[in-house]
């Protein structure tokens, strides 16, 4: 945790040097991620790979794996939307301030 005893004042030259090093490292990481993404996309272009993954996911879902089921459901576009409906006097023109006041009333 930072405190006045362990903070180190850098000159602008040192700060620039450290920033350059960080930028170079960031670029390396970004390129590595891009390469991984490209490799995965190439593997998935092979229809057999995609079929095997899909089949494995279905098998897991059939065995009761809830996470696998959720992935399948979301992938085919049937993820339920979260709907929040205000009723009563708050139904029309409810503002953020109204909600904050309601929360304060409930907290009391």
Protein backbone atom coordinates (compact mmCIF):
# COMPACT_ATOMS: atom_id res chain seq x y z
CA UNK A 1 0.00 0.00 0.00
CA UNK A 2 1.35 3.44 -0.91
CA UNK A 3 2.30 5.93 1.72
CA UNK A 4 4.63 8.89 1.85
CA UNK A 5 7.54 6.71 2.94
CA UNK A 6 7.52 4.35 -0.04
CA UNK A 7 6.58 6.77 -2.82
CA UNK A 8 9.42 7.53 -5.16
CA UNK A 9 9.62 10.82 -7.06
CA UNK A 10 10.65 10.24 -10.69
CA UNK A 11 12.20 12.80 -12.95
CA UNK A 12 10.39 13.46 -16.21
CA UNK A 13 13.19 11.60 -18.02
CA UNK A 14 12.73 8.50 -15.82
CA UNK A 15 8.95 8.67 -16.15
CA UNK A 16 9.24 8.91 -19.95
CA UNK A 17 11.63 5.95 -20.00
CA UNK A 18 9.28 3.84 -17.84
CA UNK A 19 6.31 4.85 -20.00
CA UNK A 20 8.16 3.79 -23.14
CA UNK A 21 9.00 0.40 -21.61
CA UNK A 22 5.37 -0.07 -20.59
CA UNK A 23 4.15 0.86 -24.06
CA UNK A 24 6.51 -1.62 -25.71
CA UNK A 25 5.39 -4.40 -23.36
CA UNK A 26 1.73 -3.52 -23.97
CA UNK A 27 2.27 -3.83 -27.73
CA UNK A 28 3.91 -7.23 -27.29
CA UNK A 29 1.00 -8.50 -25.21
CA UNK A 30 -1.53 -7.12 -27.70
CA UNK A 31 0.24 -8.84 -30.61
CA UNK A 32 0.40 -12.13 -28.67
CA UNK A 33 -3.34 -11.97 -28.00
CA UNK A 34 -4.04 -11.24 -31.65
CA UNK A 35 -1.96 -14.24 -32.65
CA UNK A 36 -3.86 -16.49 -30.22
CA UNK A 37 -7.17 -15.18 -31.54
CA UNK A 38 -6.10 -15.82 -35.13
CA UNK A 39 -4.97 -19.36 -34.27
CA UNK A 40 -8.27 -20.13 -32.55
CA UNK A 41 -10.24 -18.77 -35.49
CA UNK A 42 -8.24 -20.95 -37.87
CA UNK A 43 -8.96 -24.01 -35.76
CA UNK A 44 -12.67 -23.16 -35.61
CA UNK A 45 -12.85 -22.76 -39.40
CA UNK A 46 -12.43 -26.51 -39.55
CA UNK A 47 -16.08 -27.61 -39.27
CA UNK A 48 -15.06 -30.81 -37.49
CA UNK A 49 -13.50 -28.86 -34.60
CA UNK A 50 -16.56 -26.71 -34.18
CA UNK A 51 -18.81 -29.78 -34.26
CA UNK A 52 -16.74 -31.54 -31.62
CA UNK A 53 -16.86 -28.51 -29.31
CA UNK A 54 -20.61 -28.11 -29.80
CA UNK A 55 -21.24 -31.78 -29.15
CA UNK A 56 -19.10 -31.73 -25.99
CA UNK A 57 -21.06 -28.71 -24.74
CA UNK A 58 -24.40 -30.40 -25.41
CA UNK A 59 -23.23 -33.56 -23.60
CA UNK A 60 -22.19 -31.52 -20.55
CA UNK A 61 -25.54 -29.73 -20.53
CA UNK A 62 -27.41 -33.04 -20.75
CA UNK A 63 -25.46 -34.30 -17.73
CA UNK A 64 -26.74 -31.34 -15.72
CA UNK A 65 -23.96 -28.77 -16.12
CA UNK A 66 -25.91 -25.52 -15.69
CA UNK A 67 -23.10 -23.34 -17.05
CA UNK A 68 -22.97 -25.43 -20.24
CA UNK A 69 -26.75 -25.06 -20.58
CA UNK A 70 -26.50 -21.29 -20.14
CA UNK A 71 -23.79 -21.05 -22.80
CA UNK A 72 -25.93 -23.04 -25.24
CA UNK A 73 -29.04 -21.00 -24.47
CA UNK A 74 -27.21 -17.69 -24.83
CA UNK A 75 -25.45 -18.79 -28.02
CA UNK A 76 -28.70 -19.62 -29.79
CA UNK A 77 -30.13 -16.24 -28.77
CA UNK A 78 -32.62 -17.26 -26.11
CA UNK A 79 -31.06 -15.47 -23.16
CA UNK A 80 -33.88 -13.99 -21.08
CA UNK A 81 -33.84 -10.24 -20.76
CA UNK A 82 -33.95 -8.65 -17.37
CA UNK A 83 -36.97 -6.41 -17.09
CA UNK A 84 -37.56 -4.10 -14.19
CA UNK A 85 -40.95 -2.51 -13.92
CA UNK A 86 -41.92 0.17 -11.46
CA UNK A 87 -45.50 0.06 -10.31
CA UNK A 88 -47.86 2.46 -8.62
CA UNK A 89 -46.99 6.12 -8.20
CA UNK A 90 -43.50 5.60 -9.65
CA UNK A 91 -44.79 4.27 -12.97
CA UNK A 92 -44.65 7.63 -14.74
CA UNK A 93 -41.60 9.86 -15.02
CA UNK A 94 -39.51 8.27 -12.30
CA UNK A 95 -36.21 10.09 -11.96
CA UNK A 96 -32.92 8.98 -10.51
CA UNK A 97 -33.59 11.34 -7.61
CA UNK A 98 -36.94 9.57 -6.94
CA UNK A 99 -35.16 6.22 -6.81
CA UNK A 100 -32.49 7.59 -4.44
CA UNK A 101 -35.20 9.00 -2.17
CA UNK A 102 -37.01 5.66 -2.17
CA UNK A 103 -33.79 3.85 -1.31
CA UNK A 104 -33.16 6.28 1.57
CA UNK A 105 -36.69 5.71 2.85
CA UNK A 106 -36.19 1.93 2.77
CA UNK A 107 -32.81 2.19 4.52
CA UNK A 108 -34.29 4.08 7.47
